[in-house]
C-alpha atoms as a PDB file:
ATOM      1  CA  MET A   1      -5.451  11.583   7.034  1.00  0.00           C
ATOM      2  CA  ILE A   2      -2.687  11.187   4.461  1.00  0.00           C
ATOM      3  CA  LEU A   3      -3.384  10.561   0.792  1.00  0.00           C
ATOM      4  CA  TYR A   4      -0.992   7.940  -0.584  1.00  0.00           C
ATOM      5  CA  PRO A   5      -0.989   8.048  -4.407  1.00  0.00           C
ATOM      6  CA  ALA A   6      -0.164   4.590  -5.740  1.00  0.00           C
ATOM      7  CA  ILE A   7       2.439   3.732  -8.339  1.00  0.00           C
ATOM      8  CA  ASP A   8       2.112   0.064  -9.229  1.00  0.00           C
ATOM      9  CA  LEU A   9       5.122  -1.169 -11.206  1.00  0.00           C
ATOM     10  CA  LYS A  10       4.940  -3.893 -13.853  1.00  0.00           C
ATOM     11  CA  ASP A  11       7.751  -4.402 -16.352  1.00  0.00           C
ATOM     12  CA  GLY A  12       9.168  -0.973 -15.445  1.00  0.00           C
ATOM     13  CA  GLN A  13       5.919   0.853 -16.192  1.00  0.00           C
ATOM     14  CA  CYS A  14       3.289   2.483 -13.988  1.00  0.00           C
ATOM     15  CA  VAL A  15       0.129   0.360 -14.279  1.00  0.00           C
ATOM     16  CA  ARG A  16      -3.075  -0.510 -12.477  1.00  0.00           C
ATOM     17  CA  LEU A  17      -4.546  -3.974 -12.223  1.00  0.00           C
ATOM     18  CA  LEU A  18      -8.182  -4.997 -11.921  1.00  0.00           C
ATOM     19  CA  ARG A  19      -8.704  -7.081  -8.753  1.00  0.00           C
ATOM     20  CA  GLY A  20      -5.058  -8.093  -8.743  1.00  0.00           C
ATOM     21  CA  GLU A  21      -5.082  -9.824 -12.140  1.00  0.00           C
ATOM     22  CA  MET A  22      -1.710  -9.355 -13.855  1.00  0.00           C
ATOM     23  CA  ASP A  23      -3.234  -9.878 -17.313  1.00  0.00           C
ATOM     24  CA  ALA A  24      -5.746  -7.087 -16.611  1.00  0.00           C
ATOM     25  CA  ALA A  25      -3.160  -4.308 -16.449  1.00  0.00           C
ATOM     26  CA  THR A  26      -3.636  -0.796 -17.792  1.00  0.00           C
ATOM     27  CA  VAL A  27      -0.465   1.226 -18.430  1.00  0.00           C
ATOM     28  CA  PHE A  28      -0.812   4.804 -17.194  1.00  0.00           C
ATOM     29  CA  ASN A  29       2.760   6.054 -17.466  1.00  0.00           C
ATOM     30  CA  ASP A  30       5.971   4.571 -18.873  1.00  0.00           C
ATOM     31  CA  ASP A  31       8.066   6.932 -16.721  1.00  0.00           C
ATOM     32  CA  PRO A  32       7.328   6.083 -13.074  1.00  0.00           C
ATOM     33  CA  ALA A  33       9.894   8.568 -11.751  1.00  0.00           C
ATOM     34  CA  ALA A  34       8.180  11.421 -13.574  1.00  0.00           C
ATOM     35  CA  GLN A  35       4.839  10.242 -12.213  1.00  0.00           C
ATOM     36  CA  ALA A  36       6.187  10.215  -8.654  1.00  0.00           C
ATOM     37  CA  ARG A  37       7.615  13.688  -9.102  1.00  0.00           C
ATOM     38  CA  ALA A  38       4.256  14.927 -10.397  1.00  0.00           C
ATOM     39  CA  PHE A  39       2.508  13.577  -7.295  1.00  0.00           C
ATOM     40  CA  GLN A  40       5.073  15.285  -5.080  1.00  0.00           C
ATOM     41  CA  ASP A  41       4.771  18.573  -6.955  1.00  0.00           C
ATOM     42  CA  ALA A  42       0.983  18.425  -6.518  1.00  0.00           C
ATOM     43  CA  GLY A  43       1.396  18.365  -2.743  1.00  0.00           C
ATOM     44  CA  CYS A  44       1.421  14.675  -1.825  1.00  0.00           C
ATOM     45  CA  GLU A  45       3.332  13.929   1.375  1.00  0.00           C
ATOM     46  CA  TRP A  46       3.955  10.231   0.687  1.00  0.00           C
ATOM     47  CA  ILE A  47       4.206   7.933  -2.342  1.00  0.00           C
ATOM     48  CA  HIS A  48       2.968   4.323  -2.247  1.00  0.00           C
ATOM     49  CA  LEU A  49       4.899   1.907  -4.473  1.00  0.00           C
ATOM     50  CA  VAL A  50       4.171  -1.702  -5.394  1.00  0.00           C
ATOM     51  CA  ASP A  51       6.510  -4.036  -7.272  1.00  0.00           C
ATOM     52  CA  LEU A  52       3.841  -6.204  -8.899  1.00  0.00           C
ATOM     53  CA  ASN A  53       6.280  -8.515 -10.647  1.00  0.00           C
ATOM     54  CA  GLY A  54       8.179  -8.817  -7.386  1.00  0.00           C
ATOM     55  CA  ALA A  55       5.060  -9.852  -5.480  1.00  0.00           C
ATOM     56  CA  PHE A  56       4.722 -12.877  -7.748  1.00  0.00           C
ATOM     57  CA  ALA A  57       8.447 -13.607  -8.070  1.00  0.00           C
ATOM     58  CA  GLY A  58       9.153 -13.347  -4.347  1.00  0.00           C
ATOM     59  CA  GLU A  59      12.051 -10.972  -4.932  1.00  0.00           C
ATOM     60  CA  PRO A  60      12.474  -7.409  -6.245  1.00  0.00           C
ATOM     61  CA  VAL A  61      11.986  -7.158 -10.020  1.00  0.00           C
ATOM     62  CA  ASN A  62      11.356  -3.455 -10.633  1.00  0.00           C
ATOM     63  CA  GLY A  63      14.309  -2.284  -8.556  1.00  0.00           C
ATOM     64  CA  GLY A  64      15.598   0.054 -11.233  1.00  0.00           C
ATOM     65  CA  ALA A  65      12.283   1.877 -11.465  1.00  0.00           C
ATOM     66  CA  VAL A  66      12.014   2.149  -7.676  1.00  0.00           C
ATOM     67  CA  GLU A  67      15.530   3.572  -7.390  1.00  0.00           C
ATOM     68  CA  ALA A  68      14.756   6.102 -10.130  1.00  0.00           C
ATOM     69  CA  ILE A  69      11.673   7.174  -8.167  1.00  0.00           C
ATOM     70  CA  LEU A  70      13.626   7.518  -4.926  1.00  0.00           C
ATOM     71  CA  ASN A  71      16.198   9.669  -6.733  1.00  0.00           C
ATOM     72  CA  ALA A  72      13.465  11.861  -8.220  1.00  0.00           C
ATOM     73  CA  ILE A  73      11.518  12.749  -5.070  1.00  0.00           C
ATOM     74  CA  ASP A  74      12.108  14.330  -1.672  1.00  0.00           C
ATOM     75  CA  VAL A  75       8.963  13.069   0.070  1.00  0.00           C
ATOM     76  CA  PRO A  76       8.995   9.655   1.762  1.00  0.00           C
ATOM     77  CA  ALA A  77       7.977   6.509  -0.112  1.00  0.00           C
ATOM     78  CA  GLN A  78       6.807   3.079   0.980  1.00  0.00           C
ATOM     79  CA  LEU A  79       7.230  -0.098  -1.086  1.00  0.00           C
ATOM     80  CA  GLY A  80       5.642  -3.531  -1.088  1.00  0.00           C
ATOM     81  CA  GLY A  81       6.040  -6.557  -3.329  1.00  0.00           C
ATOM     82  CA  GLY A  82       8.692  -9.263  -3.161  1.00  0.00           C
ATOM     83  CA  ILE A  83      10.293  -8.108   0.087  1.00  0.00           C
ATOM     84  CA  ARG A  84      10.735 -11.377   1.937  1.00  0.00           C
ATOM     85  CA  ASP A  85      14.123 -11.391   3.659  1.00  0.00           C
ATOM     86  CA  MET A  86      16.210  -9.174   5.904  1.00  0.00           C
ATOM     87  CA  ALA A  87      18.837  -8.451   3.251  1.00  0.00           C
ATOM     88  CA  THR A  88      16.210  -7.004   0.908  1.00  0.00           C
ATOM     89  CA  ILE A  89      14.708  -4.916   3.713  1.00  0.00           C
ATOM     90  CA  GLU A  90      18.135  -3.537   4.662  1.00  0.00           C
ATOM     91  CA  GLY A  91      18.997  -2.868   1.031  1.00  0.00           C
ATOM     92  CA  TRP A  92      15.893  -0.805   0.362  1.00  0.00           C
ATOM     93  CA  ILE A  93      16.213   1.243   3.527  1.00  0.00           C
ATOM     94  CA  GLU A  94      19.867   1.940   2.728  1.00  0.00           C
ATOM     95  CA  LYS A  95      18.751   3.190  -0.706  1.00  0.00           C
ATOM     96  CA  GLY A  96      16.459   5.737   0.899  1.00  0.00           C
ATOM     97  CA  LEU A  97      13.119   3.978   1.160  1.00  0.00           C
ATOM     98  CA  SER A  98      11.204   5.296   4.170  1.00  0.00           C
ATOM     99  CA  ARG A  99       9.034   2.237   4.751  1.00  0.00           C
ATOM    100  CA  VAL A 100       8.990  -1.378   3.568  1.00  0.00           C
ATOM    101  CA  ILE A 101       5.673  -3.215   3.389  1.00  0.00           C
ATOM    102  CA  LEU A 102       5.764  -6.886   4.336  1.00  0.00           C
ATOM    103  CA  GLY A 103       2.816  -8.910   3.124  1.00  0.00           C
ATOM    104  CA  THR A 104       3.379 -12.580   2.323  1.00  0.00           C
ATOM    105  CA  VAL A 105       6.077 -12.959   4.993  1.00  0.00           C
ATOM    106  CA  ALA A 106       3.726 -11.526   7.606  1.00  0.00           C
ATOM    107  CA  VAL A 107       1.787 -14.769   7.218  1.00  0.00           C
ATOM    108  CA  GLU A 108       4.607 -17.172   6.439  1.00  0.00           C
ATOM    109  CA  ASN A 109       7.401 -15.763   8.619  1.00  0.00           C
ATOM    110  CA  PRO A 110       6.012 -13.357  11.240  1.00  0.00           C
ATOM    111  CA  ASP A 111       9.290 -13.495  13.165  1.00  0.00           C
ATOM    112  CA  LEU A 112      10.948 -11.672  10.264  1.00  0.00           C
ATOM    113  CA  VAL A 113       8.429  -8.834  10.637  1.00  0.00           C
ATOM    114  CA  ARG A 114       9.249  -8.563  14.328  1.00  0.00           C
ATOM    115  CA  GLU A 115      12.997  -8.674  13.701  1.00  0.00           C
ATOM    116  CA  ALA A 116      12.771  -6.016  10.993  1.00  0.00           C
ATOM    117  CA  ALA A 117      10.551  -3.752  13.092  1.00  0.00           C
ATOM    118  CA  ARG A 118      13.073  -3.920  15.925  1.00  0.00           C
ATOM    119  CA  ALA A 119      16.004  -3.258  13.608  1.00  0.00           C
ATOM    120  CA  PHE A 120      14.334  -0.406  11.719  1.00  0.00           C
ATOM    121  CA  PRO A 121      11.866   1.381  14.032  1.00  0.00           C
ATOM    122  CA  GLY A 122       9.130   3.205  12.163  1.00  0.00           C
ATOM    123  CA  LYS A 123      10.184   1.778   8.808  1.00  0.00           C
ATOM    124  CA  VAL A 124       8.266  -1.514   8.645  1.00  0.00           C
ATOM    125  CA  ALA A 125       4.597  -1.840   7.734  1.00  0.00           C
ATOM    126  CA  VAL A 126       2.451  -4.936   7.331  1.00  0.00           C
ATOM    127  CA  GLY A 127       0.390  -5.300   4.182  1.00  0.00           C
ATOM    128  CA  ILE A 128      -2.785  -7.304   4.735  1.00  0.00           C
ATOM    129  CA  ASP A 129      -4.603  -8.159   1.526  1.00  0.00           C
ATOM    130  CA  ALA A 130      -7.891 -10.001   1.862  1.00  0.00           C
ATOM    131  CA  ARG A 131     -10.809 -11.563   0.054  1.00  0.00           C
ATOM    132  CA  ASP A 132     -13.951 -11.957   2.134  1.00  0.00           C
ATOM    133  CA  GLY A 133     -12.053 -11.387   5.360  1.00  0.00           C
ATOM    134  CA  ARG A 134      -9.338 -13.974   4.664  1.00  0.00           C
ATOM    135  CA  VAL A 135      -5.737 -13.061   3.955  1.00  0.00           C
ATOM    136  CA  ALA A 136      -4.260 -13.681   0.486  1.00  0.00           C
ATOM    137  CA  THR A 137      -0.520 -13.944  -0.220  1.00  0.00           C
ATOM    138  CA  LYS A 138       2.010 -14.167  -3.089  1.00  0.00           C
ATOM    139  CA  GLY A 139       0.585 -11.319  -5.135  1.00  0.00           C
ATOM    140  CA  TRP A 140      -2.933 -12.327  -4.077  1.00  0.00           C
ATOM    141  CA  ALA A 141      -2.513 -15.618  -5.949  1.00  0.00           C
ATOM    142  CA  GLU A 142      -2.882 -17.784  -2.840  1.00  0.00           C
ATOM    143  CA  GLU A 143      -5.652 -17.571  -0.275  1.00  0.00           C
ATOM    144  CA  THR A 144      -5.204 -18.626   3.329  1.00  0.00           C
ATOM    145  CA  ASP A 145      -7.494 -19.446   6.229  1.00  0.00           C
ATOM    146  CA  VAL A 146      -5.981 -16.614   8.263  1.00  0.00           C
ATOM    147  CA  MET A 147      -8.469 -13.928   9.245  1.00  0.00           C
ATOM    148  CA  VAL A 148      -7.509 -10.272   8.790  1.00  0.00           C
ATOM    149  CA  THR A 149      -8.098  -9.165  12.365  1.00  0.00           C
ATOM    150  CA  ASP A 150      -6.261 -12.159  13.828  1.00  0.00           C
ATOM    151  CA  LEU A 151      -3.178 -11.423  11.732  1.00  0.00           C
ATOM    152  CA  ALA A 152      -3.264  -7.713  12.588  1.00  0.00           C
ATOM    153  CA  LYS A 153      -3.617  -8.370  16.320  1.00  0.00           C
ATOM    154  CA  SER A 154      -0.639 -10.737  16.239  1.00  0.00           C
ATOM    155  CA  PHE A 155       1.606  -7.746  15.496  1.00  0.00           C
ATOM    156  CA  GLU A 156       0.235  -5.449  18.214  1.00  0.00           C
ATOM    157  CA  ASP A 157       3.441  -5.649  20.233  1.00  0.00           C
ATOM    158  CA  ALA A 158       5.857  -5.837  17.288  1.00  0.00           C
ATOM    159  CA  GLY A 159       6.374  -2.117  16.748  1.00  0.00           C
ATOM    160  CA  VAL A 160       5.186  -2.014  13.126  1.00  0.00           C
ATOM    161  CA  ALA A 161       4.556   1.475  11.770  1.00  0.00           C
ATOM    162  CA  ALA A 162       1.278   0.774   9.973  1.00  0.00           C
ATOM    163  CA  ILE A 163      -1.067  -1.807   8.539  1.00  0.00           C
ATOM    164  CA  ILE A 164      -2.055  -1.367   4.909  1.00  0.00           C
ATOM    165  CA  TYR A 165      -5.372  -3.113   4.441  1.00  0.00           C
ATOM    166  CA  THR A 166      -6.548  -3.951   0.922  1.00  0.00           C
ATOM    167  CA  ASP A 167      -9.884  -5.465   0.000  1.00  0.00           C
ATOM    168  CA  ILE A 168      -8.857  -7.311  -3.177  1.00  0.00           C
ATOM    169  CA  ASN A 169     -12.371  -7.485  -4.573  1.00  0.00           C
ATOM    170  CA  ARG A 170     -12.507  -3.683  -4.549  1.00  0.00           C
ATOM    171  CA  ASP A 171      -8.993  -3.006  -5.881  1.00  0.00           C
ATOM    172  CA  GLY A 172      -8.955  -1.268  -9.237  1.00  0.00           C
ATOM    173  CA  ALA A 173     -12.668  -1.885  -9.653  1.00  0.00           C
ATOM    174  CA  MET A 174     -13.750   1.716  -8.953  1.00  0.00           C
ATOM    175  CA  GLN A 175     -16.559   0.441  -6.707  1.00  0.00           C
ATOM    176  CA  GLY A 176     -15.589   2.196  -3.500  1.00  0.00           C
ATOM    177  CA  PRO A 177     -13.574   0.897  -0.546  1.00  0.00           C
ATOM    178  CA  ASN A 178     -14.820  -1.553   2.045  1.00  0.00           C
ATOM    179  CA  VAL A 179     -15.315   1.171   4.641  1.00  0.00           C
ATOM    180  CA  GLU A 180     -16.955  -1.068   7.230  1.00  0.00           C
ATOM    181  CA  ALA A 181     -14.230  -3.735   7.201  1.00  0.00           C
ATOM    182  CA  THR A 182     -11.491  -1.104   7.236  1.00  0.00           C
ATOM    183  CA  ALA A 183     -13.077   0.714  10.178  1.00  0.00           C
ATOM    184  CA  ASP A 184     -13.562  -2.556  12.059  1.00  0.00           C
ATOM    185  CA  LEU A 185      -9.878  -3.367  11.633  1.00  0.00           C
ATOM    186  CA  ALA A 186      -8.783   0.105  12.759  1.00  0.00           C
ATOM    187  CA  ARG A 187     -10.910  -0.216  15.890  1.00  0.00           C
ATOM    188  CA  ALA A 188      -9.533  -3.701  16.619  1.00  0.00           C
ATOM    189  CA  VAL A 189      -5.862  -2.702  16.770  1.00  0.00           C
ATOM    190  CA  SER A 190      -3.777   0.191  18.039  1.00  0.00           C
ATOM    191  CA  ILE A 191      -1.514   0.102  14.955  1.00  0.00           C
ATOM    192  CA  PRO A 192      -2.265   2.875  12.418  1.00  0.00           C
ATOM    193  CA  VAL A 193      -4.359   1.544   9.512  1.00  0.00           C
ATOM    194  CA  ILE A 194      -4.126   2.746   5.904  1.00  0.00           C
ATOM    195  CA  ALA A 195      -7.091   1.978   3.646  1.00  0.00           C
ATOM    196  CA  SER A 196      -6.472   0.571   0.177  1.00  0.00           C
ATOM    197  CA  GLY A 197      -8.574  -0.811  -2.645  1.00  0.00           C
ATOM    198  CA  GLY A 198     -11.510   0.765  -4.429  1.00  0.00           C
ATOM    199  CA  VAL A 199     -11.036   4.433  -3.499  1.00  0.00           C
ATOM    200  CA  SER A 200     -12.631   5.989  -6.574  1.00  0.00           C
ATOM    201  CA  SER A 201     -14.269   9.274  -5.581  1.00  0.00           C
ATOM    202  CA  LEU A 202     -14.067  12.172  -3.167  1.00  0.00           C
ATOM    203  CA  ASP A 203     -17.112  10.700  -1.437  1.00  0.00           C
ATOM    204  CA  ASP A 204     -15.117   7.517  -0.793  1.00  0.00           C
ATOM    205  CA  LEU A 205     -12.431   9.593   0.909  1.00  0.00           C
ATOM    206  CA  ARG A 206     -15.051  11.446   2.935  1.00  0.00           C
ATOM    207  CA  ALA A 207     -16.602   8.118   3.981  1.00  0.00           C
ATOM    208  CA  LEU A 208     -13.250   6.802   5.183  1.00  0.00           C
ATOM    209  CA  LYS A 209     -12.485  10.052   6.997  1.00  0.00           C
ATOM    210  CA  SER A 210     -15.832  10.019   8.806  1.00  0.00           C
ATOM    211  CA  CYS A 211     -16.043   6.267   9.468  1.00  0.00           C
ATOM    212  CA  GLY A 212     -15.602   6.714  13.206  1.00  0.00           C
ATOM    213  CA  ALA A 213     -12.277   4.882  13.317  1.00  0.00           C
ATOM    214  CA  PRO A 214      -8.807   6.470  13.476  1.00  0.00           C
ATOM    215  CA  LEU A 215      -7.488   5.797   9.959  1.00  0.00           C
ATOM    216  CA  ASP A 216      -3.978   7.010   9.152  1.00  0.00           C
ATOM    217  CA  GLY A 217      -4.619   7.478   5.455  1.00  0.00           C
ATOM    218  CA  ALA A 218      -5.940   6.145   2.165  1.00  0.00           C
ATOM    219  CA  ILE A 219      -4.257   4.821  -0.968  1.00  0.00           C
ATOM    220  CA  SER A 220      -5.658   5.657  -4.392  1.00  0.00           C
ATOM    221  CA  GLY A 221      -4.363   4.762  -7.812  1.00  0.00           C
ATOM    222  CA  ARG A 222      -6.602   4.310 -10.825  1.00  0.00           C
ATOM    223  CA  ALA A 223      -9.010   7.074  -9.825  1.00  0.00           C
ATOM    224  CA  LEU A 224      -6.159   9.597  -9.744  1.00  0.00           C
ATOM    225  CA  TYR A 225      -4.896   8.522 -13.161  1.00  0.00           C
ATOM    226  CA  ASP A 226      -8.198   8.569 -15.017  1.00  0.00           C
ATOM    227  CA  GLY A 227      -9.424  11.766 -13.377  1.00  0.00           C
ATOM    228  CA  ALA A 228     -12.230  10.320 -11.252  1.00  0.00           C
ATOM    229  CA  ILE A 229     -10.542  11.995  -8.278  1.00  0.00           C
ATOM    230  CA  ASP A 230      -9.027  15.455  -8.520  1.00  0.00           C
ATOM    231  CA  LEU A 231      -5.767  15.281  -6.601  1.00  0.00           C
ATOM    232  CA  ASN A 232      -5.926  18.797  -5.174  1.00  0.00           C
ATOM    233  CA  GLU A 233      -9.499  18.305  -3.987  1.00  0.00           C
ATOM    234  CA  ALA A 234      -8.603  14.941  -2.473  1.00  0.00           C
ATOM    235  CA  LEU A 235      -5.730  16.441  -0.497  1.00  0.00           C
ATOM    236  CA  GLY A 236      -8.090  19.131   0.730  1.00  0.00           C
ATOM    237  CA  VAL A 237     -10.704  16.604   1.849  1.00  0.00           C
ATOM    238  CA  LEU A 238      -8.233  14.552   3.893  1.00  0.00           C
ATOM    239  CA  LYS A 239      -6.448  17.525   5.430  1.00  0.00           C
ATOM    240  CA  SER A 240      -9.626  19.278   6.541  1.00  0.00           C
ATOM    241  CA  ALA A 241     -10.608  19.041  10.183  1.00  0.00           C
END
């Protein structure tokens, strides 16, 4: 399994939210590029980026910070938040982004996901964010009646590189991930699944690794910043057989 350290961008700074609430943001670093470089230097193989302002605005807002990160690191990075048209997808990939994460448009315009996955093989992931099994969109501000597994299965033949599954109620709350729901999703589809939301201890990582489902990796943010998870130990846990 791959550990994806998260850099959530709000107003050009590296922050973490509590359950997706923009007014419950904690600033952890005002130099996101330096933070990304530190993760790389510690041995991380990927960086997970989120443009929080962009997720609400529906277009990239923290582009300058993302470009600075891409210029500062050699490892691949994936980005979600405000990516809702083909021009934006093309632009980010041209600037060196290894993977775009499509969330809101996966619900509202699934044909765009399919088109992008065909145009950029291996570079398009679907972000599925959910409360109580139902998908939320537009920076988690709007809830839908779409069920997580139904949405994931609809992209089985689309060629997407991964599904990033976030349990919103767990995100930033340091209460542990929803291992059962994540494992159920991974068993339901053949697309690689990345767990997100609530990963707050080494035991959480061990639980995901031993859940009996083939997870591709896990995203962690707040726990890495406040020291609840030691990065070197976490990398060791996920790389061990």
